[in-house]
Amino acid sequence: MENLDTVELFIDEENREDGIYAISLVEFPAIEENFVALSQHKVEFKTLDEDKRIVVGLALVPDKKIYRRKKDYEYNITFSKDTVRKASELYLKSLRNNNTTLEHQTLTSGVSVIESWIVEDERMDKSNIYGLNAKQGSWVVTMKVDNDAVWKDIKDKKYLGLSIEGIFSDKVDLSVEQSEEEILINKIKEIILNDN
């Protein structure tokens, strides 16, 4: 989808609604990067084993074109390194690390982000241990899965990656009508904000 318009999304610090509200476990992540279940890899850490139920993956990759469609308008979205960093910081500052959904549909419990970092050096980054091949500026998260049903689904490969749910600003007017994706994000945002 190279000939499509590309819309850069960003965090508008004046807009209090901008930010990531949840991370979703999905079968087909929009960033096309699957997570890695740490229990399935030989990792040189004594604290990591199958009993720990930990997965690691990329939440956002800078400058990656992600296909979107709104009615008849097809386009790509992208995030700069600065936006990826701001989004990750705001997500943690807002204490949203327990906000997890399944396929952007259902808020679930027992799944938490327990570690988060931005890749500073592709060669020296910890993500290489897990075979993520993360580029500089990528946001990596480690999630602990205490929910038995969700862990079974991960082991059964029902969920293969991560996808963010959030509100970002752009410089293009795409507000023809709310898409199904935007309606779901707003519903999840309402649930999360009402619980806090």
N, C-alpha and C. Protein backbone atom coordinates (compact mmCIF):
# COMPACT_ATOMS: atom_id res chain seq x y z
N MET A 1 0.83 -1.19 0.00
CA MET A 1 0.00 0.00 0.00
C MET A 1 0.88 1.25 0.00
N GLU A 2 1.83 1.28 -0.89
CA GLU A 2 2.82 2.35 -0.92
C GLU A 2 2.28 3.66 -1.49
N ASN A 3 1.30 3.62 -2.39
CA ASN A 3 0.81 4.84 -3.05
C ASN A 3 -0.28 5.56 -2.28
N LEU A 4 -0.55 5.13 -1.08
CA LEU A 4 -1.60 5.75 -0.28
C LEU A 4 -1.06 6.96 0.48
N ASP A 5 -1.97 7.86 0.86
CA ASP A 5 -1.58 8.96 1.74
C ASP A 5 -1.08 8.37 3.06
N THR A 6 -0.14 9.07 3.67
CA THR A 6 0.35 8.67 4.98
C THR A 6 0.05 9.78 5.96
N VAL A 7 -0.62 9.42 7.05
CA VAL A 7 -1.02 10.38 8.07
C VAL A 7 -0.18 10.09 9.32
N GLU A 8 0.58 11.09 9.76
CA GLU A 8 1.37 10.91 10.98
C GLU A 8 0.51 11.27 12.18
N LEU A 9 0.40 10.33 13.11
CA LEU A 9 -0.33 10.57 14.35
C LEU A 9 0.65 11.00 15.42
N PHE A 10 0.19 11.84 16.34
CA PHE A 10 1.07 12.34 17.38
C PHE A 10 0.28 12.58 18.66
N ILE A 11 1.00 12.79 19.74
CA ILE A 11 0.40 13.14 21.03
C ILE A 11 0.35 14.66 21.12
N ASP A 12 -0.86 15.19 21.21
CA ASP A 12 -1.04 16.63 21.39
C ASP A 12 -1.11 16.89 22.90
N GLU A 13 -0.08 17.50 23.43
CA GLU A 13 -0.01 17.68 24.89
C GLU A 13 -1.09 18.63 25.41
N GLU A 14 -1.73 19.38 24.52
CA GLU A 14 -2.85 20.24 24.91
C GLU A 14 -4.16 19.46 25.01
N ASN A 15 -4.21 18.30 24.35
CA ASN A 15 -5.42 17.49 24.32
C ASN A 15 -5.31 16.41 25.40
N ARG A 16 -6.08 16.55 26.45
CA ARG A 16 -5.99 15.63 27.59
C ARG A 16 -6.47 14.23 27.26
N GLU A 17 -7.18 14.05 26.14
CA GLU A 17 -7.66 12.73 25.77
C GLU A 17 -6.60 11.91 25.03
N ASP A 18 -5.59 12.55 24.47
CA ASP A 18 -4.57 11.82 23.71
C ASP A 18 -3.81 10.87 24.63
N GLY A 19 -3.52 9.69 24.13
CA GLY A 19 -2.74 8.72 24.88
C GLY A 19 -3.24 7.31 24.63
N ILE A 20 -2.54 6.35 25.19
CA ILE A 20 -2.89 4.95 25.04
C ILE A 20 -3.68 4.53 26.28
N TYR A 21 -4.83 3.92 26.03
CA TYR A 21 -5.72 3.52 27.12
C TYR A 21 -5.57 2.05 27.47
N ALA A 22 -5.13 1.24 26.52
CA ALA A 22 -4.99 -0.19 26.78
C ALA A 22 -4.07 -0.79 25.73
N ILE A 23 -3.59 -1.97 26.04
CA ILE A 23 -2.87 -2.78 25.05
C ILE A 23 -3.69 -4.04 24.86
N SER A 24 -3.90 -4.42 23.62
CA SER A 24 -4.75 -5.56 23.31
C SER A 24 -3.90 -6.74 22.84
N LEU A 25 -4.29 -7.93 23.28
CA LEU A 25 -3.72 -9.16 22.75
C LEU A 25 -4.53 -9.51 21.51
N VAL A 26 -3.85 -9.69 20.38
CA VAL A 26 -4.55 -9.89 19.12
C VAL A 26 -3.92 -11.02 18.31
N GLU A 27 -4.71 -11.57 17.40
CA GLU A 27 -4.17 -12.60 16.51
C GLU A 27 -3.34 -11.95 15.40
N PHE A 28 -3.83 -10.83 14.86
CA PHE A 28 -3.14 -10.16 13.76
C PHE A 28 -2.80 -8.73 14.16
N PRO A 29 -1.61 -8.49 14.73
CA PRO A 29 -1.27 -7.12 15.15
C PRO A 29 -1.10 -6.20 13.96
N ALA A 30 -1.58 -4.97 14.11
CA ALA A 30 -1.49 -3.98 13.03
C ALA A 30 -0.04 -3.68 12.67
N ILE A 31 0.84 -3.72 13.66
CA ILE A 31 2.24 -3.42 13.36
C ILE A 31 2.96 -4.62 12.75
N GLU A 32 2.21 -5.73 12.56
CA GLU A 32 2.72 -6.92 11.91
C GLU A 32 3.95 -7.50 12.60
N GLU A 33 3.98 -7.37 13.92
CA GLU A 33 5.08 -7.92 14.71
C GLU A 33 4.47 -8.80 15.78
N ASN A 34 4.80 -10.09 15.77
CA ASN A 34 4.28 -11.00 16.77
C ASN A 34 5.08 -10.88 18.06
N PHE A 35 4.40 -11.16 19.18
CA PHE A 35 5.16 -11.17 20.43
C PHE A 35 5.84 -12.52 20.59
N VAL A 36 6.68 -12.62 21.57
CA VAL A 36 7.40 -13.84 21.84
C VAL A 36 7.02 -14.28 23.25
N ALA A 37 6.54 -15.49 23.40
CA ALA A 37 6.26 -16.03 24.72
C ALA A 37 7.60 -16.46 25.31
N LEU A 38 8.00 -15.81 26.38
CA LEU A 38 9.33 -16.07 26.93
C LEU A 38 9.51 -17.52 27.34
N SER A 39 8.45 -18.17 27.74
CA SER A 39 8.58 -19.55 28.19
C SER A 39 8.96 -20.48 27.04
N GLN A 40 8.77 -20.07 25.81
CA GLN A 40 9.08 -20.91 24.66
C GLN A 40 10.51 -20.74 24.17
N HIS A 41 11.28 -19.91 24.83
CA HIS A 41 12.64 -19.65 24.39
C HIS A 41 13.62 -19.94 25.50
N LYS A 42 14.78 -20.39 25.12
CA LYS A 42 15.86 -20.59 26.09
C LYS A 42 16.48 -19.23 26.36
N VAL A 43 16.20 -18.69 27.53
CA VAL A 43 16.69 -17.37 27.89
C VAL A 43 17.61 -17.52 29.08
N GLU A 44 18.69 -16.78 29.07
CA GLU A 44 19.69 -16.91 30.13
C GLU A 44 19.30 -16.14 31.40
N PHE A 45 18.07 -16.25 31.83
CA PHE A 45 17.63 -15.67 33.09
C PHE A 45 17.03 -16.77 33.93
N LYS A 46 17.41 -16.89 35.13
CA LYS A 46 16.89 -17.94 36.01
C LYS A 46 15.44 -17.68 36.40
N THR A 47 15.04 -16.42 36.42
CA THR A 47 13.69 -16.11 36.87
C THR A 47 12.63 -16.36 35.79
N LEU A 48 13.03 -16.62 34.57
CA LEU A 48 12.06 -16.81 33.49
C LEU A 48 11.91 -18.29 33.18
N ASP A 49 10.67 -18.79 33.33
CA ASP A 49 10.34 -20.14 32.92
C ASP A 49 8.85 -20.18 32.60
N GLU A 50 8.38 -21.33 32.18
CA GLU A 50 6.98 -21.42 31.75
C GLU A 50 6.00 -21.05 32.86
N ASP A 51 6.36 -21.32 34.09
CA ASP A 51 5.46 -21.01 35.21
C ASP A 51 5.27 -19.50 35.38
N LYS A 52 6.17 -18.70 34.86
CA LYS A 52 6.07 -17.25 35.03
C LYS A 52 5.02 -16.62 34.13
N ARG A 53 4.67 -17.27 33.03
CA ARG A 53 3.64 -16.77 32.11
C ARG A 53 3.95 -15.34 31.64
N ILE A 54 5.09 -15.17 31.03
CA ILE A 54 5.51 -13.84 30.58
C ILE A 54 5.69 -13.85 29.07
N VAL A 55 5.16 -12.81 28.42
CA VAL A 55 5.36 -12.61 26.99
C VAL A 55 5.99 -11.23 26.78
N VAL A 56 6.71 -11.10 25.69
CA VAL A 56 7.33 -9.82 25.37
C VAL A 56 7.03 -9.52 23.91
N GLY A 57 6.81 -8.25 23.58
CA GLY A 57 6.52 -7.90 22.20
C GLY A 57 6.64 -6.41 21.97
N LEU A 58 6.48 -6.04 20.71
CA LEU A 58 6.56 -4.64 20.32
C LEU A 58 5.16 -4.04 20.36
N ALA A 59 5.01 -2.96 21.11
CA ALA A 59 3.73 -2.26 21.18
C ALA A 59 3.61 -1.25 20.05
N LEU A 60 4.71 -0.55 19.73
CA LEU A 60 4.72 0.43 18.65
C LEU A 60 6.10 0.45 17.99
N VAL A 61 6.09 0.61 16.68
CA VAL A 61 7.33 0.70 15.91
C VAL A 61 7.30 2.04 15.17
N PRO A 62 8.30 2.88 15.35
CA PRO A 62 8.27 4.19 14.69
C PRO A 62 8.43 4.08 13.17
N ASP A 63 7.79 5.00 12.49
CA ASP A 63 7.89 5.16 11.04
C ASP A 63 7.39 3.95 10.24
N LYS A 64 6.72 3.02 10.88
CA LYS A 64 6.15 1.88 10.17
C LYS A 64 4.78 2.29 9.64
N LYS A 65 4.55 2.05 8.37
CA LYS A 65 3.26 2.39 7.77
C LYS A 65 2.25 1.30 8.11
N ILE A 66 1.12 1.74 8.69
CA ILE A 66 0.07 0.82 9.12
C ILE A 66 -1.19 1.17 8.32
N TYR A 67 -1.68 0.22 7.56
CA TYR A 67 -2.83 0.43 6.68
C TYR A 67 -4.11 0.66 7.49
N ARG A 68 -4.90 1.63 7.04
CA ARG A 68 -6.20 1.93 7.63
C ARG A 68 -7.18 2.25 6.50
N ARG A 69 -8.47 2.06 6.83
CA ARG A 69 -9.53 2.39 5.88
C ARG A 69 -10.65 3.04 6.65
N LYS A 70 -11.13 4.17 6.15
CA LYS A 70 -12.27 4.86 6.73
C LYS A 70 -13.25 5.13 5.61
N LYS A 71 -14.35 4.38 5.63
CA LYS A 71 -15.31 4.39 4.52
C LYS A 71 -14.56 4.02 3.24
N ASP A 72 -14.54 4.88 2.23
CA ASP A 72 -13.85 4.56 0.98
C ASP A 72 -12.42 5.10 0.93
N TYR A 73 -11.99 5.75 2.00
CA TYR A 73 -10.66 6.36 2.02
C TYR A 73 -9.65 5.39 2.62
N GLU A 74 -8.69 4.98 1.83
CA GLU A 74 -7.62 4.10 2.30
C GLU A 74 -6.36 4.94 2.50
N TYR A 75 -5.67 4.68 3.59
CA TYR A 75 -4.48 5.46 3.91
C TYR A 75 -3.60 4.67 4.87
N ASN A 76 -2.42 5.17 5.14
CA ASN A 76 -1.51 4.59 6.13
C ASN A 76 -1.37 5.58 7.27
N ILE A 77 -1.16 5.03 8.47
CA ILE A 77 -0.79 5.89 9.60
C ILE A 77 0.63 5.54 10.00
N THR A 78 1.29 6.46 10.65
CA THR A 78 2.63 6.23 11.14
C THR A 78 2.85 7.05 12.41
N PHE A 79 3.83 6.64 13.19
CA PHE A 79 4.19 7.32 14.43
C PHE A 79 5.68 7.63 14.40
N SER A 80 6.05 8.84 14.80
CA SER A 80 7.47 9.19 14.87
C SER A 80 8.09 8.58 16.13
N LYS A 81 9.41 8.58 16.20
CA LYS A 81 10.11 8.11 17.40
C LYS A 81 9.67 8.93 18.62
N ASP A 82 9.53 10.23 18.43
CA ASP A 82 9.13 11.11 19.54
C ASP A 82 7.73 10.74 20.04
N THR A 83 6.81 10.45 19.13
CA THR A 83 5.44 10.08 19.52
C THR A 83 5.43 8.73 20.23
N VAL A 84 6.21 7.78 19.74
CA VAL A 84 6.28 6.47 20.39
C VAL A 84 6.76 6.64 21.83
N ARG A 85 7.80 7.45 22.02
CA ARG A 85 8.33 7.67 23.36
C ARG A 85 7.29 8.36 24.26
N LYS A 86 6.66 9.42 23.74
CA LYS A 86 5.65 10.13 24.53
C LYS A 86 4.48 9.21 24.89
N ALA A 87 4.05 8.39 23.93
CA ALA A 87 2.92 7.49 24.17
C ALA A 87 3.26 6.49 25.27
N SER A 88 4.48 5.93 25.22
CA SER A 88 4.87 4.95 26.23
C SER A 88 4.98 5.60 27.61
N GLU A 89 5.51 6.81 27.67
CA GLU A 89 5.64 7.51 28.95
C GLU A 89 4.28 7.87 29.52
N LEU A 90 3.39 8.37 28.69
CA LEU A 90 2.06 8.76 29.16
C LEU A 90 1.26 7.55 29.62
N TYR A 91 1.40 6.43 28.92
CA TYR A 91 0.73 5.19 29.29
C TYR A 91 1.12 4.78 30.71
N LEU A 92 2.41 4.83 31.01
CA LEU A 92 2.87 4.44 32.35
C LEU A 92 2.54 5.50 33.40
N LYS A 93 2.70 6.78 33.05
CA LYS A 93 2.38 7.85 34.00
C LYS A 93 0.91 7.82 34.40
N SER A 94 0.05 7.37 33.48
CA SER A 94 -1.39 7.31 33.73
C SER A 94 -1.80 6.01 34.43
N LEU A 95 -0.82 5.19 34.78
CA LEU A 95 -1.05 3.94 35.51
C LEU A 95 -2.02 3.01 34.79
N ARG A 96 -1.82 2.85 33.49
CA ARG A 96 -2.72 2.02 32.69
C ARG A 96 -2.14 0.63 32.39
N ASN A 97 -1.11 0.23 33.11
CA ASN A 97 -0.44 -1.02 32.79
C ASN A 97 -1.28 -2.28 33.04
N ASN A 98 -2.41 -2.14 33.72
CA ASN A 98 -3.32 -3.29 33.90
C ASN A 98 -4.48 -3.27 32.92
N ASN A 99 -4.52 -2.31 32.02
CA ASN A 99 -5.60 -2.20 31.04
C ASN A 99 -5.26 -3.04 29.82
N THR A 100 -5.86 -4.21 29.75
CA THR A 100 -5.61 -5.12 28.64
C THR A 100 -6.94 -5.57 28.06
N THR A 101 -7.00 -5.63 26.73
CA THR A 101 -8.19 -6.13 26.07
C THR A 101 -7.80 -7.32 25.20
N LEU A 102 -8.82 -8.03 24.76
CA LEU A 102 -8.65 -9.16 23.86
C LEU A 102 -9.28 -8.80 22.53
N GLU A 103 -8.47 -8.77 21.48
CA GLU A 103 -8.93 -8.44 20.12
C GLU A 103 -9.69 -7.11 20.08
N HIS A 104 -9.31 -6.16 20.90
CA HIS A 104 -9.93 -4.83 20.95
C HIS A 104 -11.42 -4.89 21.25
N GLN A 105 -11.88 -6.00 21.82
CA GLN A 105 -13.30 -6.18 22.06
C GLN A 105 -13.65 -6.23 23.54
N THR A 106 -12.86 -6.96 24.31
CA THR A 106 -13.23 -7.28 25.68
C THR A 106 -12.12 -6.88 26.63
N LEU A 107 -12.47 -6.11 27.64
CA LEU A 107 -11.52 -5.79 28.70
C LEU A 107 -11.33 -7.05 29.53
N THR A 108 -10.08 -7.40 29.81
CA THR A 108 -9.81 -8.61 30.57
C THR A 108 -9.03 -8.27 31.83
N SER A 109 -8.95 -9.20 32.74
CA SER A 109 -8.18 -9.00 33.96
C SER A 109 -7.05 -10.01 34.01
N GLY A 110 -6.13 -9.79 34.92
CA GLY A 110 -5.05 -10.74 35.12
C GLY A 110 -3.96 -10.68 34.07
N VAL A 111 -3.86 -9.58 33.33
CA VAL A 111 -2.78 -9.39 32.35
C VAL A 111 -2.23 -7.97 32.57
N SER A 112 -0.94 -7.89 32.87
CA SER A 112 -0.34 -6.59 33.21
C SER A 112 0.98 -6.38 32.50
N VAL A 113 1.23 -5.15 32.08
CA VAL A 113 2.55 -4.78 31.60
C VAL A 113 3.45 -4.64 32.83
N ILE A 114 4.53 -5.42 32.86
CA ILE A 114 5.42 -5.39 34.02
C ILE A 114 6.78 -4.78 33.68
N GLU A 115 7.01 -4.55 32.39
CA GLU A 115 8.27 -3.93 31.97
C GLU A 115 8.03 -3.23 30.64
N SER A 116 8.70 -2.11 30.46
CA SER A 116 8.50 -1.31 29.26
C SER A 116 9.77 -0.53 28.98
N TRP A 117 10.18 -0.49 27.71
CA TRP A 117 11.36 0.32 27.37
C TRP A 117 11.35 0.70 25.90
N ILE A 118 12.12 1.73 25.60
CA ILE A 118 12.32 2.19 24.23
C ILE A 118 13.69 1.70 23.77
N VAL A 119 13.75 1.13 22.58
CA VAL A 119 15.02 0.64 22.04
C VAL A 119 15.89 1.83 21.68
N GLU A 120 17.05 1.92 22.33
CA GLU A 120 17.99 3.01 22.07
C GLU A 120 19.07 2.61 21.07
N ASP A 121 19.49 1.36 21.13
CA ASP A 121 20.57 0.87 20.28
C ASP A 121 20.16 -0.52 19.77
N GLU A 122 19.94 -0.66 18.47
CA GLU A 122 19.44 -1.91 17.91
C GLU A 122 20.35 -3.09 18.22
N ARG A 123 21.63 -2.89 18.19
CA ARG A 123 22.58 -3.99 18.41
C ARG A 123 22.69 -4.40 19.87
N MET A 124 22.61 -3.43 20.76
CA MET A 124 22.87 -3.68 22.19
C MET A 124 21.58 -3.86 23.01
N ASP A 125 20.43 -3.78 22.39
CA ASP A 125 19.18 -3.78 23.15
C ASP A 125 18.82 -5.17 23.65
N LYS A 126 18.19 -5.18 24.82
CA LYS A 126 17.72 -6.41 25.45
C LYS A 126 16.75 -7.18 24.56
N SER A 127 16.02 -6.50 23.69
CA SER A 127 15.05 -7.17 22.82
C SER A 127 15.71 -8.21 21.92
N ASN A 128 17.00 -8.08 21.67
CA ASN A 128 17.72 -9.06 20.84
C ASN A 128 17.74 -10.43 21.50
N ILE A 129 17.74 -10.47 22.81
CA ILE A 129 17.71 -11.74 23.53
C ILE A 129 16.49 -12.55 23.11
N TYR A 130 15.39 -11.85 22.85
CA TYR A 130 14.12 -12.50 22.54
C TYR A 130 13.87 -12.62 21.03
N GLY A 131 14.84 -12.20 20.22
CA GLY A 131 14.70 -12.31 18.77
C GLY A 131 13.66 -11.39 18.17
N LEU A 132 13.45 -10.21 18.76
CA LEU A 132 12.43 -9.29 18.26
C LEU A 132 12.87 -8.45 17.08
N ASN A 133 14.18 -8.30 16.85
CA ASN A 133 14.68 -7.45 15.77
C ASN A 133 14.04 -6.07 15.78
N ALA A 134 14.00 -5.47 16.94
CA ALA A 134 13.36 -4.16 17.11
C ALA A 134 14.27 -3.06 16.59
N LYS A 135 13.68 -2.14 15.84
CA LYS A 135 14.45 -1.01 15.35
C LYS A 135 14.53 0.08 16.41
N GLN A 136 15.48 0.97 16.26
CA GLN A 136 15.67 2.06 17.20
C GLN A 136 14.37 2.86 17.33
N GLY A 137 14.00 3.17 18.57
CA GLY A 137 12.79 3.94 18.83
C GLY A 137 11.56 3.10 19.08
N SER A 138 11.65 1.76 18.89
CA SER A 138 10.50 0.89 19.13
C SER A 138 10.19 0.82 20.62
N TRP A 139 8.91 0.60 20.91
CA TRP A 139 8.45 0.44 22.29
C TRP A 139 8.23 -1.04 22.55
N VAL A 140 8.99 -1.59 23.48
CA VAL A 140 8.91 -3.00 23.84
C VAL A 140 8.21 -3.11 25.20
N VAL A 141 7.29 -4.07 25.31
CA VAL A 141 6.63 -4.32 26.59
C VAL A 141 6.72 -5.80 26.94
N THR A 142 6.82 -6.05 28.23
CA THR A 142 6.76 -7.40 28.78
C THR A 142 5.48 -7.48 29.59
N MET A 143 4.70 -8.54 29.35
CA MET A 143 3.42 -8.70 30.02
C MET A 143 3.40 -9.99 30.83
N LYS A 144 2.83 -9.90 32.04
CA LYS A 144 2.63 -11.05 32.91
C LYS A 144 1.18 -11.47 32.77
N VAL A 145 0.97 -12.76 32.49
CA VAL A 145 -0.38 -13.27 32.24
C VAL A 145 -0.78 -14.22 33.37
N ASP A 146 -1.55 -13.71 34.32
CA ASP A 146 -2.03 -14.52 35.44
C ASP A 146 -3.39 -15.15 35.14
N ASN A 147 -4.05 -14.68 34.11
CA ASN A 147 -5.38 -15.17 33.73
C ASN A 147 -5.21 -16.52 33.01
N ASP A 148 -5.75 -17.59 33.61
CA ASP A 148 -5.57 -18.95 33.07
C ASP A 148 -6.11 -19.09 31.65
N ALA A 149 -7.30 -18.55 31.39
CA ALA A 149 -7.91 -18.69 30.07
C ALA A 149 -7.09 -17.95 29.02
N VAL A 150 -6.62 -16.75 29.35
CA VAL A 150 -5.82 -15.98 28.40
C VAL A 150 -4.49 -16.69 28.14
N TRP A 151 -3.87 -17.22 29.20
CA TRP A 151 -2.60 -17.93 29.01
C TRP A 151 -2.79 -19.15 28.10
N LYS A 152 -3.89 -19.90 28.29
CA LYS A 152 -4.16 -21.04 27.42
C LYS A 152 -4.30 -20.59 25.98
N ASP A 153 -5.01 -19.46 25.75
CA ASP A 153 -5.17 -18.94 24.39
C ASP A 153 -3.83 -18.53 23.78
N ILE A 154 -2.94 -17.97 24.59
CA ILE A 154 -1.61 -17.60 24.08
C ILE A 154 -0.84 -18.87 23.70
N LYS A 155 -0.88 -19.87 24.56
CA LYS A 155 -0.17 -21.12 24.26
C LYS A 155 -0.76 -21.80 23.02
N ASP A 156 -2.09 -21.64 22.82
CA ASP A 156 -2.75 -22.23 21.65
C ASP A 156 -2.62 -21.35 20.40
N LYS A 157 -1.84 -20.26 20.52
CA LYS A 157 -1.57 -19.33 19.42
C LYS A 157 -2.81 -18.59 18.90
N LYS A 158 -3.79 -18.39 19.80
CA LYS A 158 -4.95 -17.56 19.45
C LYS A 158 -4.53 -16.10 19.38
N TYR A 159 -3.60 -15.71 20.26
CA TYR A 159 -3.06 -14.34 20.26
C TYR A 159 -1.59 -14.41 19.89
N LEU A 160 -1.21 -13.63 18.88
CA LEU A 160 0.16 -13.68 18.38
C LEU A 160 0.92 -12.37 18.55
N GLY A 161 0.23 -11.32 18.98
CA GLY A 161 0.92 -10.04 19.10
C GLY A 161 0.13 -9.04 19.90
N LEU A 162 0.65 -7.81 19.88
CA LEU A 162 0.09 -6.72 20.66
C LEU A 162 -0.41 -5.63 19.73
N SER A 163 -1.41 -4.92 20.19
CA SER A 163 -1.94 -3.79 19.44
C SER A 163 -2.39 -2.75 20.46
N ILE A 164 -2.06 -1.50 20.21
CA ILE A 164 -2.41 -0.45 21.15
C ILE A 164 -3.83 0.05 20.92
N GLU A 165 -4.42 0.60 21.96
CA GLU A 165 -5.72 1.27 21.86
C GLU A 165 -5.53 2.66 22.45
N GLY A 166 -5.75 3.65 21.64
CA GLY A 166 -5.54 4.99 22.16
C GLY A 166 -6.10 6.06 21.25
N ILE A 167 -5.90 7.29 21.68
CA ILE A 167 -6.36 8.45 20.93
C ILE A 167 -5.12 9.28 20.60
N PHE A 168 -4.99 9.61 19.35
CA PHE A 168 -3.88 10.43 18.87
C PHE A 168 -4.44 11.57 18.04
N SER A 169 -3.67 12.60 17.90
CA SER A 169 -4.04 13.72 17.04
C SER A 169 -3.39 13.53 15.68
N ASP A 170 -3.94 14.23 14.69
CA ASP A 170 -3.33 14.24 13.36
C ASP A 170 -3.59 15.61 12.75
N LYS A 171 -2.94 15.86 11.65
CA LYS A 171 -3.10 17.16 10.98
C LYS A 171 -4.07 17.09 9.82
N VAL A 172 -4.75 15.95 9.68
CA VAL A 172 -5.66 15.74 8.56
C VAL A 172 -7.05 15.53 9.13
N ASP A 173 -8.07 16.07 8.47
CA ASP A 173 -9.44 15.88 8.92
C ASP A 173 -9.98 14.57 8.36
N LEU A 174 -10.00 13.54 9.21
CA LEU A 174 -10.54 12.25 8.80
C LEU A 174 -11.89 11.99 9.46
N SER A 175 -12.49 13.02 10.01
CA SER A 175 -13.68 12.85 10.84
C SER A 175 -14.97 12.81 10.02
N VAL A 176 -15.05 11.93 9.06
CA VAL A 176 -16.27 11.76 8.30
C VAL A 176 -17.35 11.20 9.22
N GLU A 177 -17.07 10.09 9.85
CA GLU A 177 -17.91 9.44 10.84
C GLU A 177 -17.00 8.56 11.65
N GLN A 178 -17.40 8.24 12.86
CA GLN A 178 -16.56 7.37 13.66
C GLN A 178 -16.54 5.97 13.05
N SER A 179 -15.35 5.39 12.94
CA SER A 179 -15.23 4.01 12.47
C SER A 179 -15.59 3.08 13.62
N GLU A 180 -15.79 1.79 13.30
CA GLU A 180 -16.07 0.80 14.34
C GLU A 180 -14.92 0.77 15.34
N GLU A 181 -13.69 0.89 14.85
CA GLU A 181 -12.50 0.87 15.70
C GLU A 181 -12.55 2.03 16.70
N GLU A 182 -12.91 3.23 16.24
CA GLU A 182 -12.99 4.40 17.12
C GLU A 182 -14.10 4.25 18.14
N ILE A 183 -15.22 3.66 17.75
CA ILE A 183 -16.33 3.45 18.68
C ILE A 183 -15.90 2.48 19.78
N LEU A 184 -15.19 1.40 19.42
CA LEU A 184 -14.70 0.45 20.42
C LEU A 184 -13.70 1.10 21.36
N ILE A 185 -12.78 1.89 20.81
CA ILE A 185 -11.79 2.57 21.65
C ILE A 185 -12.49 3.49 22.63
N ASN A 186 -13.50 4.22 22.17
CA ASN A 186 -14.23 5.12 23.07
C ASN A 186 -14.98 4.36 24.16
N LYS A 187 -15.55 3.19 23.83
CA LYS A 187 -16.22 2.37 24.84
C LYS A 187 -15.23 1.90 25.89
N ILE A 188 -14.08 1.41 25.43
CA ILE A 188 -13.06 0.92 26.36
C ILE A 188 -12.52 2.07 27.20
N LYS A 189 -12.32 3.23 26.58
CA LYS A 189 -11.84 4.41 27.31
C LYS A 189 -12.83 4.77 28.41
N GLU A 190 -14.14 4.74 28.11
CA GLU A 190 -15.15 5.05 29.12
C GLU A 190 -15.08 4.09 30.30
N ILE A 191 -14.96 2.77 30.00
CA ILE A 191 -14.88 1.77 31.06
C ILE A 191 -13.66 2.02 31.94
N ILE A 192 -12.52 2.25 31.29
CA ILE A 192 -11.26 2.45 32.03
C ILE A 192 -11.32 3.72 32.87
N LEU A 193 -11.79 4.80 32.29
CA LEU A 193 -11.83 6.08 33.02
C LEU A 193 -12.84 6.04 34.16
N ASN A 194 -13.93 5.30 33.99
CA ASN A 194 -14.93 5.21 35.05
C ASN A 194 -14.48 4.32 36.19
N ASP A 195 -13.54 3.39 35.93
CA ASP A 195 -13.02 2.52 36.97
C ASP A 195 -11.98 3.23 37.84
N ASN A 196 -11.38 4.30 37.33
CA ASN A 196 -10.30 5.00 38.08
C ASN A 196 -10.84 6.08 38.99
